[in-house]
Protein backbone atom coordinates (compact mmCIF):
# COMPACT_ATOMS: atom_id res chain seq x y z
CA MET A 1 107.42 -22.88 -130.67
CA LYS A 2 109.83 -25.63 -129.68
CA ALA A 3 111.92 -25.10 -132.83
CA GLY A 4 111.97 -21.34 -132.32
CA VAL A 5 113.27 -21.76 -128.85
CA GLN A 6 115.94 -24.31 -129.79
CA ASN A 7 117.13 -21.82 -132.56
CA ALA A 8 117.58 -18.97 -130.04
CA ALA A 9 121.22 -19.61 -129.52
CA ASN A 10 121.89 -18.93 -133.24
CA ILE A 11 120.61 -15.32 -133.07
CA PRO A 12 123.15 -12.89 -131.45
CA GLU A 13 120.67 -10.22 -130.45
CA LEU A 14 118.40 -12.88 -128.84
CA ARG A 15 121.46 -14.28 -126.96
CA ARG A 16 122.27 -10.83 -125.69
CA ARG A 17 118.64 -10.19 -124.56
CA ILE A 18 118.47 -13.69 -122.69
CA PHE A 19 121.87 -13.06 -121.13
CA PHE A 20 120.82 -9.67 -119.99
CA THR A 21 117.70 -10.97 -118.48
CA LEU A 22 119.73 -13.70 -116.61
CA ILE A 23 122.08 -11.03 -115.25
CA MET A 24 119.24 -8.80 -113.90
CA LEU A 25 117.59 -11.81 -112.24
CA ALA A 26 120.89 -12.74 -110.55
CA VAL A 27 121.11 -9.16 -109.32
CA TYR A 28 117.53 -9.45 -107.93
CA ARG A 29 118.20 -12.75 -106.07
CA ALA A 30 121.46 -11.37 -104.63
CA GLY A 31 119.50 -8.42 -103.30
CA VAL A 32 117.02 -10.78 -101.58
CA GLN A 33 119.88 -11.93 -99.46
CA ILE A 34 120.92 -8.50 -98.14
CA PRO A 35 119.11 -7.89 -94.78
CA THR A 36 117.68 -4.62 -93.68
CA PRO A 37 119.64 -3.02 -90.67
CA GLY A 38 118.19 -3.28 -87.09
CA ILE A 39 116.50 -6.61 -87.33
CA ASN A 40 117.22 -9.85 -85.20
CA GLY A 41 117.20 -12.37 -88.09
CA GLU A 42 116.88 -15.47 -85.84
CA ALA A 43 113.80 -14.02 -84.16
CA LEU A 44 112.19 -12.96 -87.34
CA ALA A 45 112.73 -16.56 -88.85
CA ASN A 46 110.98 -18.03 -85.78
CA PHE A 47 108.15 -15.60 -86.08
CA PHE A 48 107.52 -16.51 -89.75
CA ALA A 49 107.58 -20.13 -89.00
CA GLN A 50 104.74 -19.53 -86.55
CA LYS A 51 102.73 -17.45 -89.03
CA ALA A 52 102.76 -20.02 -91.90
CA GLY A 53 99.49 -19.78 -93.92
CA THR A 54 98.69 -16.22 -93.17
CA LEU A 55 98.96 -13.09 -95.18
CA PHE A 56 102.53 -12.86 -94.36
CA ASP A 57 103.13 -16.14 -96.06
CA MET A 58 101.50 -15.05 -99.39
CA PHE A 59 103.55 -11.77 -99.46
CA ASN A 60 106.56 -13.78 -98.68
CA MET A 61 105.95 -16.07 -101.61
CA PHE A 62 105.55 -13.20 -104.04
CA SER A 63 108.80 -11.69 -102.75
CA GLY A 64 110.74 -14.74 -103.26
CA GLY A 65 111.58 -15.11 -99.53
CA ALA A 66 112.70 -11.53 -99.23
CA LEU A 67 110.12 -10.65 -96.45
CA GLU A 68 111.13 -13.70 -94.46
CA ASN A 69 114.71 -12.37 -94.48
CA PHE A 70 113.40 -8.89 -94.20
CA SER A 71 116.00 -7.95 -97.00
CA ILE A 72 116.15 -4.58 -98.74
CA PHE A 73 113.66 -6.19 -101.25
CA ALA A 74 111.24 -7.06 -98.59
CA LEU A 75 108.39 -5.31 -100.20
CA GLY A 76 109.16 -6.93 -103.59
CA ILE A 77 107.25 -5.62 -106.64
CA MET A 78 103.81 -5.76 -105.10
CA PRO A 79 103.63 -1.91 -104.37
CA TYR A 80 104.10 -1.53 -108.24
CA ILE A 81 101.55 -4.06 -109.07
CA SER A 82 99.07 -2.49 -106.64
CA ALA A 83 99.67 0.94 -108.09
CA SER A 84 99.28 -0.35 -111.70
CA ILE A 85 95.96 -2.13 -110.83
CA ILE A 86 94.77 1.16 -109.05
CA PHE A 87 95.52 3.40 -112.10
CA GLN A 88 94.00 0.71 -114.37
CA LEU A 89 90.66 0.87 -112.45
CA LEU A 90 90.94 4.66 -112.22
CA THR A 91 91.40 5.04 -115.97
CA VAL A 92 87.80 3.64 -116.26
CA VAL A 93 86.40 6.02 -113.55
CA VAL A 94 88.26 9.27 -114.02
CA PRO A 95 87.61 10.93 -117.42
CA GLN A 96 90.97 12.76 -117.44
CA LEU A 97 92.82 9.45 -117.06
CA GLU A 98 90.65 7.85 -119.74
CA ALA A 99 91.39 10.66 -122.22
CA LEU A 100 95.08 10.38 -121.31
CA SER A 101 95.06 6.62 -122.13
CA LYS A 102 93.65 7.25 -125.53
CA GLU A 103 96.42 9.74 -126.50
CA GLY A 104 98.73 7.05 -127.66
CA GLU A 105 102.33 6.45 -126.53
CA SER A 106 102.68 9.80 -124.84
CA GLY A 107 99.56 9.26 -122.83
CA ARG A 108 100.72 5.85 -121.68
CA ARG A 109 104.06 7.26 -120.63
CA LYS A 110 102.33 9.80 -118.46
CA ILE A 111 100.25 7.14 -116.77
CA THR A 112 103.41 5.04 -116.23
CA GLN A 113 104.97 8.04 -114.53
CA TYR A 114 101.93 8.48 -112.26
CA THR A 115 102.23 4.85 -111.53
CA ARG A 116 105.86 5.17 -110.38
CA TYR A 117 105.03 8.19 -108.15
CA ALA A 118 102.06 6.05 -106.48
CA THR A 119 104.49 3.16 -106.10
CA VAL A 120 106.90 5.31 -104.08
CA VAL A 121 104.10 6.61 -101.93
CA LEU A 122 102.67 3.12 -101.18
CA SER A 123 106.13 1.69 -100.55
CA LEU A 124 106.75 4.61 -97.93
CA LEU A 125 103.36 3.86 -96.32
CA GLN A 126 103.95 0.05 -96.19
CA GLY A 127 107.38 0.60 -94.85
CA LEU A 128 106.12 2.81 -92.00
CA PHE A 129 103.51 0.30 -90.99
CA ILE A 130 105.58 -2.73 -91.24
CA SER A 131 108.33 -1.03 -89.09
CA ILE A 132 105.69 0.00 -86.59
CA GLY A 133 104.40 -3.56 -86.52
CA LEU A 134 107.73 -5.18 -86.15
CA GLU A 135 108.42 -3.13 -83.07
CA SER A 136 105.48 -4.67 -81.30
CA MET A 137 106.18 -8.29 -82.53
CA ALA A 138 108.35 -10.86 -80.85
CA ALA A 139 109.40 -14.47 -81.68
CA PRO A 140 107.61 -17.37 -79.97
CA THR A 141 110.49 -17.40 -77.43
CA GLY A 142 109.74 -13.78 -76.44
CA GLU A 143 112.87 -12.37 -78.17
CA ALA A 144 112.14 -9.07 -79.82
CA ILE A 145 112.60 -8.79 -83.62
CA VAL A 146 113.72 -5.10 -83.72
CA ILE A 147 116.95 -4.47 -81.84
CA THR A 148 116.43 -0.82 -81.31
CA THR A 149 113.04 0.70 -81.66
CA GLY A 150 112.16 4.29 -82.49
CA TRP A 151 111.69 6.73 -85.27
CA GLY A 152 115.30 6.12 -86.36
CA PHE A 153 114.69 2.57 -87.14
CA ARG A 154 111.21 3.50 -88.84
CA LEU A 155 112.75 6.01 -91.16
CA MET A 156 115.61 3.95 -92.11
CA THR A 157 113.33 1.11 -92.82
CA MET A 158 110.93 3.27 -94.81
CA LEU A 159 113.99 4.49 -96.83
CA THR A 160 115.56 1.15 -97.38
CA LEU A 161 112.45 -0.66 -98.38
CA THR A 162 111.27 2.13 -100.69
CA SER A 163 114.62 2.24 -102.36
CA GLY A 164 114.64 -1.58 -102.77
CA THR A 165 111.18 -1.32 -104.43
CA ALA A 166 112.17 1.30 -106.74
CA PHE A 167 115.29 -0.50 -107.69
CA ILE A 168 113.27 -3.70 -108.55
CA MET A 169 110.88 -1.57 -110.63
CA TRP A 170 113.93 -0.17 -112.61
CA LEU A 171 115.19 -3.74 -112.99
CA GLY A 172 111.92 -4.83 -114.44
CA GLU A 173 111.61 -1.99 -116.86
CA GLN A 174 115.19 -2.57 -117.97
CA MET A 175 114.35 -6.22 -118.62
CA THR A 176 111.27 -5.38 -120.53
CA GLU A 177 113.22 -3.01 -122.74
CA ARG A 178 116.56 -4.69 -123.21
CA GLY A 179 115.98 -8.20 -122.14
CA ILE A 180 113.28 -10.98 -123.07
CA GLY A 181 109.84 -11.16 -121.66
CA ASN A 182 107.87 -8.88 -119.31
CA GLY A 183 110.48 -7.80 -116.58
CA ILE A 184 107.95 -7.39 -113.76
CA SER A 185 106.50 -10.80 -114.42
CA MET A 186 109.94 -12.31 -114.70
CA ILE A 187 110.80 -11.01 -111.26
CA ILE A 188 107.65 -12.59 -109.73
CA PHE A 189 108.46 -15.74 -111.62
CA ALA A 190 112.05 -15.91 -110.17
CA GLY A 191 110.74 -15.27 -106.74
CA ILE A 192 108.29 -18.14 -106.92
CA VAL A 193 110.60 -20.57 -108.73
CA ALA A 194 113.52 -19.88 -106.26
CA ARG A 195 111.44 -21.49 -103.37
CA MET A 196 110.47 -24.58 -105.31
CA PRO A 197 113.74 -26.54 -104.75
CA ALA A 198 113.15 -26.19 -100.83
CA ALA A 199 109.74 -27.43 -101.41
CA LEU A 200 110.97 -30.38 -103.27
CA ALA A 201 113.53 -31.16 -100.58
CA ASN A 202 110.77 -31.02 -97.90
CA THR A 203 108.78 -33.54 -99.88
CA PHE A 204 111.50 -35.99 -100.24
CA ARG A 205 112.41 -35.54 -96.54
CA MET A 206 108.86 -36.40 -95.56
CA VAL A 207 109.20 -39.51 -97.84
CA SER A 208 112.40 -40.73 -96.15
CA ALA A 209 110.95 -40.00 -92.66
CA GLY A 210 107.90 -42.15 -93.53
CA GLU A 211 105.40 -39.16 -93.23
CA LEU A 212 104.42 -39.56 -96.85
CA ALA A 213 103.90 -42.81 -98.73
CA LEU A 214 106.49 -43.49 -101.53
CA ILE A 215 103.72 -44.64 -103.87
CA LEU A 216 102.30 -41.05 -103.69
CA LEU A 217 105.19 -39.61 -105.61
CA PRO A 218 104.46 -40.82 -109.11
CA LEU A 219 100.86 -39.80 -108.60
CA ILE A 220 102.04 -36.30 -107.56
CA LEU A 221 104.24 -35.99 -110.67
CA VAL A 222 101.22 -37.20 -112.92
CA MET A 223 98.94 -34.58 -111.36
CA VAL A 224 101.42 -31.83 -111.72
CA ALA A 225 101.72 -32.74 -115.44
CA ALA A 226 98.06 -32.85 -115.74
CA VAL A 227 97.58 -29.35 -113.99
CA VAL A 228 100.31 -27.85 -116.04
CA GLY A 229 98.75 -29.07 -119.33
CA LEU A 230 95.36 -27.76 -118.28
CA ILE A 231 96.94 -24.34 -117.50
CA ILE A 232 98.73 -24.25 -120.89
CA PHE A 233 95.56 -25.26 -122.76
CA CYS A 234 93.33 -22.70 -121.02
CA GLU A 235 95.93 -19.78 -121.11
CA THR A 236 96.61 -20.26 -124.81
CA GLY A 237 92.86 -21.06 -125.73
CA GLN A 238 90.85 -18.42 -127.63
CA ARG A 239 87.52 -17.91 -128.95
CA ARG A 240 87.94 -16.19 -132.41
CA ILE A 241 85.04 -14.17 -133.63
CA PRO A 242 85.13 -13.78 -137.39
CA ILE A 243 85.44 -10.18 -138.75
CA GLN A 244 84.75 -9.17 -142.22
CA TYR A 245 85.80 -5.74 -143.65
CA ALA A 246 83.64 -4.06 -146.24
CA LYS A 247 85.36 -3.00 -149.58
CA ARG A 248 85.75 0.59 -150.32
CA ILE A 249 87.24 2.55 -153.22
CA VAL A 250 89.87 5.17 -152.67
CA GLY A 251 90.75 7.00 -155.93
CA ARG A 252 91.43 4.19 -158.22
CA GLN A 253 92.42 1.64 -155.55
CA MET A 254 90.10 -0.78 -153.81
CA TYR A 255 90.77 -1.41 -150.06
CA GLY A 256 89.24 -3.78 -147.67
CA GLY A 257 87.42 -7.05 -148.24
CA GLN A 258 89.70 -8.85 -146.06
CA GLN A 259 88.67 -11.51 -143.53
CA SER A 260 90.19 -11.43 -139.89
CA HIS A 261 89.18 -12.36 -136.43
CA LEU A 262 88.84 -11.02 -133.01
CA PRO A 263 90.67 -13.32 -130.47
CA LEU A 264 89.11 -13.56 -126.94
CA LYS A 265 91.08 -15.43 -124.33
CA ILE A 266 89.33 -17.97 -121.91
CA ASN A 267 91.04 -16.30 -118.89
CA MET A 268 90.90 -12.48 -119.70
CA ALA A 269 91.36 -11.57 -116.08
CA GLY A 270 94.71 -13.36 -115.68
CA VAL A 271 96.11 -13.99 -112.03
CA ILE A 272 94.38 -10.90 -110.60
CA PRO A 273 91.34 -12.71 -109.23
CA PRO A 274 93.20 -15.37 -107.14
CA ILE A 275 95.74 -12.57 -105.93
CA PHE A 276 92.80 -10.38 -104.62
CA ALA A 277 90.85 -13.40 -103.35
CA SER A 278 93.81 -14.81 -101.46
CA SER A 279 94.59 -11.37 -99.89
CA ILE A 280 90.95 -11.04 -98.55
CA MET A 281 90.73 -14.51 -97.27
CA MET A 282 94.07 -14.43 -95.46
CA PHE A 283 93.03 -11.44 -93.44
CA PRO A 284 90.78 -13.25 -90.93
CA GLN A 285 93.51 -15.68 -89.77
CA THR A 286 96.15 -12.86 -89.76
CA ILE A 287 93.83 -10.60 -87.63
CA GLY A 288 93.29 -13.59 -85.23
CA ASN A 289 97.03 -13.95 -84.56
CA PHE A 290 97.23 -10.38 -83.18
CA ILE A 291 93.73 -9.96 -81.61
CA ASN A 292 93.06 -12.16 -78.61
CA ILE A 293 89.16 -11.82 -78.38
CA ASP A 294 86.96 -14.92 -78.18
CA TRP A 295 84.63 -14.17 -81.11
CA VAL A 296 87.60 -13.10 -83.23
CA GLN A 297 89.38 -16.33 -82.50
CA ARG A 298 86.31 -18.40 -83.27
CA ALA A 299 85.86 -16.58 -86.67
CA SER A 300 89.43 -16.96 -87.53
CA ALA A 301 89.26 -20.75 -86.75
CA ALA A 302 85.98 -21.08 -88.93
CA LEU A 303 87.72 -19.38 -91.87
CA SER A 304 91.03 -21.19 -91.43
CA TRP A 305 92.72 -22.46 -94.62
CA GLY A 306 91.29 -25.65 -95.91
CA SER A 307 87.98 -25.36 -94.15
CA LEU A 308 84.69 -25.61 -96.03
CA PRO A 309 83.67 -22.08 -95.37
CA HIS A 310 87.08 -20.78 -96.35
CA THR A 311 86.96 -22.72 -99.64
CA LEU A 312 83.52 -21.63 -100.66
CA MET A 313 84.18 -17.96 -99.87
CA TYR A 314 87.54 -18.18 -101.69
CA VAL A 315 85.90 -19.63 -104.75
CA GLY A 316 83.12 -16.89 -104.48
CA PHE A 317 85.65 -14.15 -104.40
CA ILE A 318 87.66 -15.56 -107.43
CA VAL A 319 84.39 -15.79 -109.52
CA PHE A 320 83.46 -12.24 -108.49
CA PHE A 321 86.92 -10.74 -109.28
CA CYS A 322 87.02 -12.61 -112.66
CA PHE A 323 83.74 -10.87 -113.82
CA PHE A 324 84.69 -7.50 -112.25
CA TYR A 325 88.19 -7.27 -113.59
CA THR A 326 87.10 -8.51 -117.04
CA ALA A 327 84.42 -5.84 -117.08
CA VAL A 328 86.81 -3.10 -116.24
CA THR A 329 89.54 -3.96 -118.64
CA PHE A 330 87.49 -4.96 -121.68
CA ASN A 331 84.49 -2.80 -123.05
CA PRO A 332 82.48 -4.60 -125.89
CA ALA A 333 81.01 -1.15 -126.86
CA ASP A 334 84.41 0.30 -127.63
CA VAL A 335 85.43 -2.72 -129.65
CA ALA A 336 82.13 -2.60 -131.63
CA GLU A 337 82.49 1.10 -132.23
CA ASN A 338 86.14 0.75 -133.44
CA LEU A 339 85.06 -2.05 -135.79
CA LYS A 340 82.29 0.10 -137.23
CA LYS A 341 84.74 2.98 -137.80
CA HIS A 342 87.14 1.01 -139.81
CA GLY A 343 84.26 -0.75 -141.84
CA GLY A 344 84.44 -4.09 -139.90
CA PHE A 345 81.46 -6.16 -138.93
CA VAL A 346 80.68 -9.68 -137.54
CA PRO A 347 78.96 -11.85 -140.28
CA GLY A 348 75.40 -12.17 -139.48
CA VAL A 349 75.34 -9.35 -136.78
CA ARG A 350 74.39 -5.75 -137.32
CA PRO A 351 77.21 -3.24 -136.55
CA GLY A 352 77.07 -1.08 -133.50
CA LYS A 353 74.83 -1.87 -130.55
CA LYS A 354 74.02 -5.50 -131.81
CA THR A 355 77.76 -6.26 -132.25
CA ALA A 356 78.53 -5.00 -128.70
CA GLU A 357 75.75 -7.13 -127.25
CA PHE A 358 76.98 -10.18 -129.24
CA ILE A 359 80.63 -9.72 -127.98
CA ASP A 360 79.28 -9.07 -124.43
CA LYS A 361 77.47 -12.38 -124.61
CA ILE A 362 80.47 -14.28 -125.52
CA ILE A 363 82.69 -12.57 -122.90
CA VAL A 364 80.17 -13.51 -120.23
CA ARG A 365 80.32 -17.26 -121.30
CA LEU A 366 84.10 -17.22 -121.47
CA THR A 367 84.41 -15.58 -118.01
CA VAL A 368 82.25 -18.23 -116.55
CA ILE A 369 84.42 -20.95 -118.06
CA GLY A 370 87.67 -19.06 -116.87
CA ALA A 371 86.28 -18.54 -113.31
CA ILE A 372 85.63 -22.27 -113.04
CA TYR A 373 89.12 -23.11 -114.37
CA ILE A 374 90.91 -20.67 -112.05
CA SER A 375 88.86 -21.80 -109.01
CA ALA A 376 89.66 -25.47 -109.71
CA ILE A 377 93.35 -24.69 -110.02
CA CYS A 378 93.55 -22.72 -106.83
CA VAL A 379 91.49 -25.10 -104.72
CA LEU A 380 93.57 -28.16 -105.77
CA PRO A 381 96.28 -27.55 -103.10
CA THR A 382 93.78 -27.56 -100.43
CA VAL A 383 92.28 -30.83 -101.65
CA LEU A 384 95.78 -32.40 -101.83
CA VAL A 385 96.91 -31.34 -98.39
CA LYS A 386 93.62 -32.04 -96.63
CA GLN A 387 92.74 -35.46 -98.29
CA PHE A 388 96.23 -36.83 -99.04
CA ASN A 389 98.49 -34.98 -96.84
CA VAL A 390 100.56 -33.93 -99.85
CA PRO A 391 103.05 -30.98 -98.86
CA PHE A 392 104.17 -30.28 -102.52
CA TYR A 393 104.34 -26.72 -103.54
CA PHE A 394 102.33 -26.46 -106.58
CA GLY A 395 98.96 -25.20 -107.74
CA GLY A 396 97.10 -22.04 -107.11
CA THR A 397 98.29 -18.51 -107.99
CA ALA A 398 101.96 -19.54 -108.02
CA LEU A 399 101.50 -22.07 -110.69
CA LEU A 400 99.36 -19.90 -112.78
CA ILE A 401 101.94 -17.15 -112.70
CA VAL A 402 104.97 -19.65 -113.46
CA VAL A 403 103.18 -21.24 -116.37
CA GLY A 404 101.79 -17.96 -117.78
CA VAL A 405 105.22 -16.18 -117.69
CA ALA A 406 106.78 -19.18 -119.29
CA ILE A 407 104.33 -19.24 -122.17
CA ASP A 408 104.69 -15.47 -122.79
CA THR A 409 108.52 -15.70 -122.65
CA MET A 410 108.68 -18.55 -125.07
CA SER A 411 106.34 -16.73 -127.39
CA GLN A 412 108.56 -13.72 -127.48
CA ILE A 413 111.56 -16.01 -128.23
CA GLU A 414 109.61 -17.55 -131.05
CA SER A 415 108.77 -14.08 -132.44
CA HIS A 416 112.38 -13.06 -132.57
CA THR A 417 113.42 -16.34 -134.32
CA ILE A 418 110.45 -15.97 -136.84
CA MET A 419 111.53 -12.43 -137.66
CA ARG A 420 115.15 -13.70 -138.26
CA ASN A 421 114.01 -16.58 -140.44
CA TYR A 422 111.75 -14.39 -142.38
CA ASP A 423 114.58 -12.07 -143.10
CA GLY A 424 116.67 -14.97 -144.44
CA PHE A 425 113.73 -16.12 -146.54
CA MET A 426 113.49 -12.66 -148.16
CA LYS A 427 117.21 -12.82 -148.89
CA SER A 428 116.92 -16.03 -150.67
CA GLY A 429 113.81 -15.03 -152.57
CA ARG A 430 115.79 -12.30 -154.65
CA PHE A 431 112.82 -9.85 -154.83
CA LYS A 432 113.31 -6.98 -157.09
CA GLY A 433 114.73 -3.86 -155.36
CA ARG A 434 116.69 -5.89 -152.85
CA ARG A 435 120.51 -5.71 -152.94
């Protein structure tokens, strides 16, 4: 992989793709700095400083700071991700969508079109609720966040935020088609990475002010390297089930007899479980900031970030969503049926139902390991902050996304270089029929 990335500059097409991706990311980061009209920026910044650690903070992280600035990209790509997850789940439940997904490329395009429409609807609804909520909010100093309230502000905010999300969605699709890597993932990656320099600066500021011991910095770097190594190992790790294809004669030709494998990832659910779990666990504290009722305040304090009940419930939700999302997206019965149709079988296992049960048993074991791995990565920041007062911005969902996208992008770069090198090998081989 390292050699493939180093040779990327020697391939003109790959250079163009990388350059196009960088230009699109620059356009996205420029749009993050354009504010939505009608907002008092200073009052909004003071408000977000007070709401650190709530649901607003997580959305702000995935939008790359756009929500904190309330820019035209304030909603980020989250509505598109939500719509994609909804249709992915509906594909399993609704027979019409399931049949559509099995029609090949035309069916996938139709589902993608429905996802875009759902993204616009979700963006309009979120824009409306955010505009109404902003009208009732104020900075800690009592200064209003919205300059002029009313339906004029609400409609303008809905239109602006929805247009911004649609534009980001278009940017992501263009990067996927004409750039390198997955466009939507690259946008989330850019938003998270853009905030890391500020976190590093804050860490060094605390060291210079004496709030953080200097001796902890090397330990932090070692832990970061260890965590990144663990993520790379688990994200690239596979359980390969051997597959044998039976021989069959068609005319005078014999087909089959090959050996292959079925690769199963350790973490099949990706970053979906921690995202869902974080959203659920941040609701109590967010609600406690708006509802001044005694029992609500006590419940919000008991489930505050870093407390033992919060950590236990957070891990429980991660484990639940790992199993739920894996069960929704991977069906062992379908895999066993496809193997049977194409004459494939697992050595020592009968085709059909027995193969499905065998694969399901392996999936359960892998999901247990993956859930433990994701939980450990996501709980690590809590331990660092609570036990060692380390404010460094790493671990959790953010680091999972950053490392995962980096691995996927490097793999695509390697694929392009392998294709180019393979073509050069074919030229030097002088095969018959080649000019």
